[in-house]
Each structure stands twice: as C-alpha cells, then as structure tokens.
Protein backbone atom coordinates (compact mmCIF):
# COMPACT_ATOMS: atom_id res chain seq x y z
CA UNK A 1 125.55 86.20 120.94
CA UNK A 2 125.71 83.99 117.83
CA UNK A 3 122.55 82.69 116.82
CA UNK A 4 121.57 78.93 116.68
CA UNK A 5 121.54 77.74 113.13
CA UNK A 6 118.59 76.26 111.51
CA UNK A 7 120.16 72.89 111.17
CA UNK A 8 121.02 72.71 114.84
CA UNK A 9 117.52 73.91 115.76
CA UNK A 10 116.04 71.17 113.58
CA UNK A 11 118.41 68.58 114.98
CA UNK A 12 117.55 69.74 118.51
CA UNK A 13 113.90 69.75 118.18
CA UNK A 14 113.74 66.42 116.13
CA UNK A 15 116.31 64.90 118.60
CA UNK A 16 113.99 65.79 121.64
CA UNK A 17 111.23 63.99 120.11
CA UNK A 18 113.16 61.00 119.11
CA UNK A 19 114.58 60.78 122.66
CA UNK A 20 111.28 61.13 124.26
CA UNK A 21 109.84 58.38 121.83
CA UNK A 22 112.70 56.05 122.53
CA UNK A 23 112.47 56.48 126.27
CA UNK A 24 108.77 55.88 126.15
CA UNK A 25 109.11 52.90 124.04
CA UNK A 26 111.84 51.25 126.26
CA UNK A 27 109.59 51.76 129.26
CA UNK A 28 106.67 50.20 127.43
CA UNK A 29 108.76 47.29 126.15
CA UNK A 30 110.29 46.57 129.79
CA UNK A 31 106.88 46.88 131.27
CA UNK A 32 105.14 44.75 128.73
CA UNK A 33 107.91 41.91 129.05
CA UNK A 34 107.39 41.83 132.85
CA UNK A 35 103.49 41.76 132.69
CA UNK A 36 103.21 39.48 129.75
CA UNK A 37 105.93 37.04 130.23
CA UNK A 38 107.69 37.14 133.84
CA UNK A 39 104.55 37.16 135.89
CA UNK A 40 102.63 34.50 133.98
CA UNK A 41 105.62 32.23 134.15
CA UNK A 42 106.40 32.65 137.88
CA UNK A 43 102.90 33.13 138.99
CA UNK A 44 104.13 35.95 141.18
CA UNK A 45 103.67 39.66 141.03
CA UNK A 46 106.52 42.15 140.62
CA UNK A 47 109.46 42.55 138.33
CA UNK A 48 111.82 40.57 140.48
CA UNK A 49 110.97 37.13 142.08
CA UNK A 50 113.07 36.15 145.29
CA UNK A 51 113.49 32.82 147.14
CA UNK A 52 111.55 34.04 150.01
CA UNK A 53 108.55 34.73 147.77
CA UNK A 54 108.26 30.84 146.67
CA UNK A 55 106.51 28.51 148.81
CA UNK A 56 107.65 24.78 148.94
CA UNK A 57 105.95 21.92 150.39
CA UNK A 58 109.24 20.79 152.25
CA UNK A 59 111.85 22.66 154.46
CA UNK A 60 115.30 22.47 153.16
CA UNK A 61 118.43 24.52 153.36
CA UNK A 62 119.85 25.53 150.08
CA UNK A 63 123.27 26.81 149.03
CA UNK A 64 122.23 30.03 146.96
CA UNK A 65 125.69 30.31 145.46
CA UNK A 66 124.98 27.03 143.77
CA UNK A 67 122.04 27.14 141.45
CA UNK A 68 122.25 23.55 140.80
CA UNK A 69 121.61 22.72 144.37
CA UNK A 70 118.27 24.59 144.19
CA UNK A 71 115.05 22.92 143.43
CA UNK A 72 113.89 22.84 139.83
CA UNK A 73 111.12 25.45 140.27
CA UNK A 74 113.38 27.79 142.14
CA UNK A 75 116.04 27.39 139.27
CA UNK A 76 113.32 28.14 136.92
CA UNK A 77 112.40 31.33 138.68
CA UNK A 78 115.90 32.38 138.88
CA UNK A 79 116.55 31.98 135.32
CA UNK A 80 113.63 33.94 134.37
CA UNK A 81 114.78 36.81 136.68
CA UNK A 82 118.27 36.54 135.17
CA UNK A 83 116.65 36.84 131.56
CA UNK A 84 114.50 39.74 132.61
CA UNK A 85 117.49 41.62 134.04
CA UNK A 86 119.50 41.07 130.82
CA UNK A 87 116.50 42.17 128.76
CA UNK A 88 116.22 45.30 130.84
CA UNK A 89 120.06 46.01 130.56
CA UNK A 90 120.07 45.31 126.76
CA UNK A 91 117.03 47.55 126.32
CA UNK A 92 118.57 50.44 128.05
CA UNK A 93 121.81 49.98 126.15
CA UNK A 94 119.95 49.98 122.87
CA UNK A 95 117.91 52.85 123.95
CA UNK A 96 121.09 54.93 124.47
CA UNK A 97 122.61 53.50 121.17
CA UNK A 98 119.47 54.58 119.18
CA UNK A 99 119.35 57.96 120.70
CA UNK A 100 123.06 58.84 119.89
CA UNK A 101 122.74 57.30 116.30
CA UNK A 102 119.29 58.89 115.73
CA UNK A 103 120.48 62.28 116.58
CA UNK A 104 123.53 61.94 114.61
CA UNK A 105 121.54 60.86 111.69
CA UNK A 106 119.02 63.81 112.10
CA UNK A 107 122.13 66.24 112.10
CA UNK A 108 123.31 64.60 108.90
CA UNK A 109 120.08 64.60 107.12
CA UNK A 110 119.12 68.04 108.07
CA UNK A 111 122.44 69.28 106.71
CA UNK A 112 121.59 67.52 103.25
CA UNK A 113 118.02 68.85 103.18
CA UNK A 114 119.32 72.49 104.09
CA UNK A 115 122.01 72.56 101.42
CA UNK A 116 119.75 74.42 98.78
CA UNK A 117 119.11 76.98 101.49
CA UNK A 118 122.78 77.68 101.98
CA UNK A 119 123.23 77.91 98.24
CA UNK A 120 120.28 80.38 98.06
CA UNK A 121 121.81 82.40 100.81
CA UNK A 122 125.21 82.59 99.06
CA UNK A 123 123.65 83.50 95.90
CA UNK A 124 121.75 86.33 97.51
CA UNK A 125 124.74 87.64 99.06
CA UNK A 126 126.45 88.12 95.73
CA UNK A 127 123.63 90.26 94.22
CA UNK A 128 123.67 93.93 94.38
CA UNK A 129 122.67 96.94 92.22
CA UNK A 130 125.44 96.18 89.85
CA UNK A 131 124.23 92.50 88.86
CA UNK A 132 120.44 92.73 89.35
CA UNK A 133 120.28 90.72 86.04
CA UNK A 134 121.71 87.64 87.77
CA UNK A 135 119.29 84.75 88.64
CA UNK A 136 119.22 81.66 90.86
CA UNK A 137 119.11 78.80 88.49
CA UNK A 138 120.71 75.84 90.13
CA UNK A 139 117.82 75.16 92.45
CA UNK A 140 115.48 72.64 90.65
CA UNK A 141 113.69 70.99 93.71
CA UNK A 142 109.97 70.86 93.49
CA UNK A 143 109.44 71.85 97.09
CA UNK A 144 109.19 74.96 99.19
CA UNK A 145 112.79 75.86 98.63
CA UNK A 146 112.28 75.69 94.84
CA UNK A 147 109.24 77.82 95.14
CA UNK A 148 111.20 80.25 97.20
CA UNK A 149 114.07 80.51 94.57
CA UNK A 150 111.37 80.94 91.86
CA UNK A 151 109.63 83.73 93.77
CA UNK A 152 113.13 85.31 94.56
CA UNK A 153 113.88 85.47 90.75
CA UNK A 154 110.54 87.14 90.21
CA UNK A 155 111.25 89.66 92.92
CA UNK A 156 114.71 90.26 91.25
CA UNK A 157 113.13 90.88 88.02
CA UNK A 158 110.70 93.48 89.51
CA UNK A 159 113.45 95.14 91.20
CA UNK A 160 115.51 95.24 88.00
CA UNK A 161 112.66 96.68 86.05
CA UNK A 162 112.04 99.37 88.74
CA UNK A 163 115.70 100.15 88.91
CA UNK A 164 115.96 100.58 85.06
CA UNK A 165 112.64 102.71 85.08
CA UNK A 166 114.16 105.01 87.74
CA UNK A 167 117.48 105.27 86.07
CA UNK A 168 115.75 105.95 82.69
CA UNK A 169 113.51 108.47 84.43
CA UNK A 170 116.32 110.22 86.06
CA UNK A 171 118.24 110.45 82.62
CA UNK A 172 115.26 111.62 80.74
CA UNK A 173 114.50 114.20 83.31
CA UNK A 174 118.11 115.55 83.35
CA UNK A 175 117.92 115.63 79.65
CA UNK A 176 114.65 117.69 79.54
CA UNK A 177 115.86 119.96 82.13
CA UNK A 178 119.32 120.55 80.40
CA UNK A 179 117.86 121.36 77.01
CA UNK A 180 116.35 124.80 77.96
CA UNK A 181 119.26 125.51 80.29
CA UNK A 182 121.66 124.92 77.19
CA UNK A 183 119.45 127.13 75.12
CA UNK A 184 119.64 130.02 77.62
CA UNK A 185 123.44 129.53 78.03
CA UNK A 186 123.94 129.59 74.39
CA UNK A 187 121.92 132.78 73.95
CA UNK A 188 124.05 134.46 76.57
CA UNK A 189 127.24 133.30 75.02
CA UNK A 190 126.23 134.67 71.66
CA UNK A 191 125.27 137.94 73.18
CA UNK A 192 128.57 138.14 74.91
CA UNK A 193 130.49 137.62 71.45
CA UNK A 194 128.79 140.71 70.08
CA UNK A 195 130.99 143.79 70.49
CA UNK A 196 128.21 146.11 70.57
CA UNK A 197 124.81 144.28 70.91
CA UNK A 198 121.69 146.18 69.98
CA UNK A 199 118.46 146.31 71.73
CA UNK A 200 116.84 143.92 69.24
CA UNK A 201 119.58 141.33 70.39
CA UNK A 202 118.87 141.87 73.92
CA UNK A 203 115.16 141.56 73.26
CA UNK A 204 115.58 138.29 71.18
CA UNK A 205 117.69 136.86 73.98
CA UNK A 206 115.27 137.92 76.60
CA UNK A 207 112.51 136.17 74.55
CA UNK A 208 114.55 132.80 74.31
CA UNK A 209 115.34 133.00 77.90
CA UNK A 210 111.76 133.56 79.00
CA UNK A 211 110.58 130.64 76.81
CA UNK A 212 113.16 128.33 78.21
CA UNK A 213 112.41 129.38 81.71
CA UNK A 214 108.66 128.78 81.15
CA UNK A 215 109.55 125.21 79.79
CA UNK A 216 111.67 124.54 82.94
CA UNK A 217 108.73 125.66 84.98
CA UNK A 218 106.30 123.30 83.09
CA UNK A 219 108.68 120.31 83.37
CA UNK A 220 109.22 120.85 87.12
CA UNK A 221 105.46 121.42 87.66
CA UNK A 222 104.62 118.00 85.66
CA UNK A 223 107.44 116.06 87.75
CA UNK A 224 105.82 117.57 90.99
CA UNK A 225 102.40 116.39 89.92
CA UNK A 226 103.80 112.81 89.16
CA UNK A 227 105.32 112.81 92.64
CA UNK A 228 102.62 114.33 94.61
CA UNK A 229 100.97 111.98 96.96
CA UNK A 230 99.42 114.44 99.29
CA UNK A 231 95.81 114.51 100.40
CA UNK A 232 93.50 115.50 97.48
CA UNK A 233 89.81 116.20 97.99
CA UNK A 234 87.50 114.56 95.68
CA UNK A 235 84.34 116.42 96.68
CA UNK A 236 83.78 118.75 93.59
CA UNK A 237 80.87 118.12 91.38
CA UNK A 238 82.04 118.27 87.78
CA UNK A 239 79.49 119.01 84.98
CA UNK A 240 81.03 117.25 82.00
CA UNK A 241 79.38 119.19 79.34
CA UNK A 242 80.36 122.67 80.87
CA UNK A 243 83.98 121.37 81.18
CA UNK A 244 84.15 120.03 77.49
CA UNK A 245 82.78 123.33 76.27
CA UNK A 246 85.57 125.30 78.15
CA UNK A 247 88.11 122.90 76.73
CA UNK A 248 86.67 123.35 73.25
CA UNK A 249 86.96 127.10 73.46
CA UNK A 250 90.63 126.88 74.55
CA UNK A 251 91.58 124.60 71.66
CA UNK A 252 89.51 126.60 69.17
CA UNK A 253 92.56 128.46 67.64
CA UNK A 254 94.39 125.24 67.25
CA UNK A 255 91.52 123.59 65.52
CA UNK A 256 91.07 126.55 63.26
CA UNK A 257 94.68 126.43 61.97
CA UNK A 258 94.23 122.76 60.87
CA UNK A 259 90.41 123.06 60.09
CA UNK A 260 89.70 120.28 62.74
CA UNK A 261 85.97 119.66 63.80
CA UNK A 262 85.42 118.88 67.39
CA UNK A 263 82.09 117.38 68.33
CA UNK A 264 80.54 116.69 71.81
CA UNK A 265 77.94 113.90 72.00
CA UNK A 266 75.70 113.12 75.02
CA UNK A 267 78.15 114.66 77.71
CA UNK A 268 75.19 115.81 79.88
CA UNK A 269 76.13 113.82 82.95
CA UNK A 270 77.96 114.97 86.23
CA UNK A 271 80.56 113.14 88.25
CA UNK A 272 82.21 113.78 91.64
CA UNK A 273 86.01 114.24 91.89
CA UNK A 274 88.66 116.78 91.90
CA UNK A 275 87.66 119.46 89.35
CA UNK A 276 91.15 120.78 88.62
CA UNK A 277 92.76 117.38 88.03
CA UNK A 278 89.93 116.02 85.95
CA UNK A 279 89.94 119.17 83.80
CA UNK A 280 93.72 118.63 83.29
CA UNK A 281 93.12 115.03 82.12
CA UNK A 282 90.78 115.92 79.38
CA UNK A 283 92.30 119.12 78.43
CA UNK A 284 95.50 117.14 77.78
CA UNK A 285 93.99 114.48 75.78
CA UNK A 286 91.93 116.72 73.64
CA UNK A 287 94.90 119.20 73.05
CA UNK A 288 96.96 115.98 71.93
CA UNK A 289 94.17 114.99 69.64
CA UNK A 290 94.35 118.43 68.11
CA UNK A 291 98.26 118.32 67.91
CA UNK A 292 98.55 114.99 66.27
CA UNK A 293 95.55 115.34 64.16
CA UNK A 294 95.64 115.68 60.27
CA UNK A 295 94.43 118.77 58.46
CA UNK A 296 90.56 118.69 58.03
CA UNK A 297 90.51 115.99 60.61
CA UNK A 298 87.90 115.24 63.28
CA UNK A 299 87.63 114.86 67.06
CA UNK A 300 84.65 113.23 68.81
CA UNK A 301 83.97 112.99 72.46
CA UNK A 302 81.27 110.64 73.53
CA UNK A 303 80.00 109.95 76.98
CA UNK A 304 78.24 106.90 78.04
CA UNK A 305 76.51 105.95 81.31
CA UNK A 306 77.18 102.42 82.58
CA UNK A 307 75.88 101.56 85.99
CA UNK A 308 77.80 103.67 88.50
CA UNK A 309 80.47 104.78 85.80
CA UNK A 310 80.81 107.22 83.19
CA UNK A 311 82.74 105.97 80.05
CA UNK A 312 84.16 108.90 78.03
CA UNK A 313 85.84 108.26 74.67
CA UNK A 314 87.89 110.72 72.73
CA UNK A 315 88.46 109.55 69.19
CA UNK A 316 90.49 111.38 66.56
CA UNK A 317 91.44 110.94 62.80
CA UNK A 318 95.11 111.68 63.45
CA UNK A 319 98.55 109.91 62.71
CA UNK A 320 97.83 107.27 65.21
CA UNK A 321 100.20 105.31 67.41
CA UNK A 322 102.34 102.27 66.31
CA UNK A 323 101.49 98.98 67.84
CA UNK A 324 104.75 98.40 69.36
CA UNK A 325 104.68 101.92 71.02
CA UNK A 326 101.19 101.41 72.74
CA UNK A 327 102.39 99.74 75.86
CA UNK A 328 104.85 102.55 76.68
CA UNK A 329 102.84 105.65 75.85
CA UNK A 330 102.06 106.21 79.59
CA UNK A 331 105.61 105.98 80.74
CA UNK A 332 107.28 109.27 81.67
CA UNK A 333 109.28 111.06 78.85
CA UNK A 334 108.26 108.35 76.32
CA UNK A 335 107.79 109.80 72.99
CA UNK A 336 106.39 108.09 69.91
CA UNK A 337 108.07 110.61 67.59
CA UNK A 338 110.98 112.48 69.33
CA UNK A 339 111.30 115.25 66.69
CA UNK A 340 107.68 115.67 66.00
CA UNK A 341 106.80 115.87 69.84
CA UNK A 342 109.49 118.13 70.70
CA UNK A 343 108.58 120.51 67.87
CA UNK A 344 105.01 120.66 69.05
CA UNK A 345 106.23 121.40 72.63
CA UNK A 346 105.67 118.22 74.50
CA UNK A 347 107.91 116.89 77.27
CA UNK A 348 106.56 113.38 77.41
CA UNK A 349 104.90 113.68 80.64
CA UNK A 350 101.46 114.50 79.79
CA UNK A 351 99.96 110.93 79.43
CA UNK A 352 101.88 109.87 82.63
CA UNK A 353 99.99 112.57 84.50
CA UNK A 354 96.75 111.68 82.98
CA UNK A 355 97.10 108.07 84.02
CA UNK A 356 98.22 109.05 87.50
CA UNK A 357 95.20 111.33 88.04
CA UNK A 358 92.80 108.73 86.66
CA UNK A 359 94.29 106.13 89.00
CA UNK A 360 93.74 108.41 91.96
CA UNK A 361 90.07 108.82 90.94
CA UNK A 362 89.96 104.97 91.04
CA UNK A 363 89.24 104.91 87.32
CA UNK A 364 90.64 103.23 84.20
CA UNK A 365 92.11 104.37 80.88
CA UNK A 366 92.52 102.39 77.79
CA UNK A 367 93.82 103.31 74.21
CA UNK A 368 93.16 101.88 70.94
CA UNK A 369 95.13 103.22 67.79
CA UNK A 370 95.95 102.47 64.19
CA UNK A 371 98.69 104.34 62.44
CA UNK A 372 97.40 106.80 59.96
CA UNK A 373 93.85 106.26 60.87
CA UNK A 374 93.41 107.60 64.45
CA UNK A 375 93.22 107.00 68.00
CA UNK A 376 90.60 106.40 70.79
CA UNK A 377 91.22 107.04 74.47
CA UNK A 378 88.44 105.61 76.77
CA UNK A 379 88.29 106.74 80.34
CA UNK A 380 86.06 105.14 82.98
CA UNK A 381 85.26 107.23 86.02
CA UNK A 382 83.05 106.75 89.09
CA UNK A 383 79.86 108.73 88.57
CA UNK A 384 79.65 109.24 92.43
CA UNK A 385 82.70 109.05 94.63
CA UNK A 386 82.04 106.74 97.52
CA UNK A 387 82.51 109.51 100.06
CA UNK A 388 82.27 113.09 98.93
CA UNK A 389 84.64 114.25 101.66
CA UNK A 390 87.24 111.35 100.97
CA UNK A 391 90.94 112.01 100.32
CA UNK A 392 93.66 110.19 98.83
CA UNK A 393 96.12 108.67 101.37
CA UNK A 394 98.74 111.06 102.58
CA UNK A 395 102.40 109.96 101.87
CA UNK A 396 104.27 109.10 105.07
C-alpha cells in the first residue's frame, strides 16, 4: 500500500480544522443573525415568522400571492424572513467556497513549504560510499529544515572520517602483515636458488622465518587487543611501586645500552583495575621512553594522588614529538618516524592499545612534547573502581 505523503497529511489535517472552524463560524453567524436581528425586529421567537403568528386588530382576508395586498406590518415581517433566508443561503454557499478554496490553498502552501524537504531527500538519495564528500549546500532556510540539513552534513563528515579511518586502518594492517610474509617468502626463494644450500643457510632462513612469524603473532595480538570488547574484570589490586619495579628490571638492559637513568618517585599508592592490562600500559610507555631517548638520558616516573584519582606522569629527555604529529600518535599504525620506528621494532599499535586500555578503566591520558627536548605522558586513573566486581560491557 502506497503511503500517504506528508503534503497530503498536512493538507488533510489542516483542512479538517479549517472545515470544522468554517462550519462552526457559519452556524454561529446564522444563529447570531436570528437572535440579534430577526427576533428583535419581529418581536417573535423563532427563525421563521408566519402570517398565522401575527395578531392583528381586524379580521381581513389577504391574497398571500400578492405581497402588496398585505398589511404593512405583515409585509415588513415577510421581508425580514426573505432577507434571513437569503443570508442563510449565502452563508452556506460562502462556507462551501471557503472550504474548497481554503483546502486548495493549504495544499499549495504545504507543497511550497515542503520543497526543501524534497530537495533534501533527492540529495540524500545520491550520496553513497563513493561520494561521501558531497554536502547539502542549497538549503539556507533558518528553520528546522535548515537545522536538519546542517546536522546531516555534520553526520556525513563523521561518516566520511570514519570511512577514511577504516580504509587507512585496513591498508596499514595489510601492509604490516605483508612485510613479514614477504620477508619469509624472499628467504625461501633465495634458499631455493642455492644449488646445494648448507646447514648455515637453513639456520639463517629459519631464524628469519621465526622472527617474521613472531612479528605476525605480535601484530595479530595487538589487533585483537584493540578489537576486544569482551567482559574484563577490574577487581585486581595493583601495587604501583611493585609494578614499576618489575618494569624497571625488564628495561634495565635497554637502559644500560644507552646509559639511561630511570627514577621512580612517590609511587607508593595502589589502584584497583585489571592488573594485566595496566601493566601493559606502563610497560609500553616506559619501553618507548627508553627506545626514543638519547644516550645518557633520563626517565622519571612520578605519582600524585588527587582526590579519588592517581595521576602518573612519565617524563623522558628523548627526541620528542613534533607539534603537528601530537594529535595523531594514538591512531593505529601511525608513526612519527617511519624508518626509525620500524628499525626499533614498532608496529604503530602500542599507543593505540594504551589509550584503549585507559579508556576501559575510565581514565584519561595526555601528552606534552617538544622536539629534541623530551616527552611527558600523564595518565589519570581511578584510585578505587566503583565496583570491584564490575566488568566492561560485553559486545553484542
């Protein structure tokens, strides 16, 4: 069944109101004319005055077909009746005319008022995944339709940004996965070209294959971590001092290579959350602070208690991050320095995972950096989780 258009619905609804109002006004006008004019002039009640209703002092026989033969008072009453009938007839005729003209005018005006809606619908029909950059620019009205067009343009912008983000993410993921696969394939092809490969050739190829396989596993695990929305418990009590001491021991060999000093200050508090995830956050941040630090540099971890939160800052004296790169460092696969990051073994997913974990803990992360001076990451986490047994929402 074909739906009733908005124009027709507006016409019907407004037309019904117009018809009811016109009928009511006609009835009121006819009744008012009778009560205010006919009755006072004739002195009789009722909408129609008859000859029998008039009392005369003398008895005469009159020819009703000849108005002139009637007494003057009777002629007067008959004239009033005729005028009243004419008024009623004209009122009914004008009522019908007003109804017809009014409904037609409503239909016409509704069509004009809804033209921007038609244009908006046609514009939306032509937008698909291939032209998300198109916008609705010809609706300038300062009303709800103009607001709708403006909000639709904003929605298109968000969809376009999301679409570009997903395309870039897929392209970067494919590139990251392809690199180790290409390395393994190249090693195998080189080995096949050897007429009589030695044991050392096989060992070298196996080492390259193992490294590439581990890189694939790391990338896939990182991707799964970003996509994981399953329930996670936040009931672990985490001793920050113990956690940072463990991380410091893990990065000690890297610090020794570059003679970097790692200092822990005032990290004696405890928080409640997921121990494995929180450990990964700070292990990643401190490891990055070591990798991108200068020789003889410093790393300082400071903890501050603020009401119901713990603020943890990780400051280094490393190479820093350019101002134009700062807004994008938490995006998947984004690298400030492609060659340097790849040589240090990064996949560009570390900071994305860090932000994801902190957001799951209802925390916040900020970064300040200056090139060739250093970088400071500040993380705010709840000291006590609202419900120790709470879980993140499970994806549906």
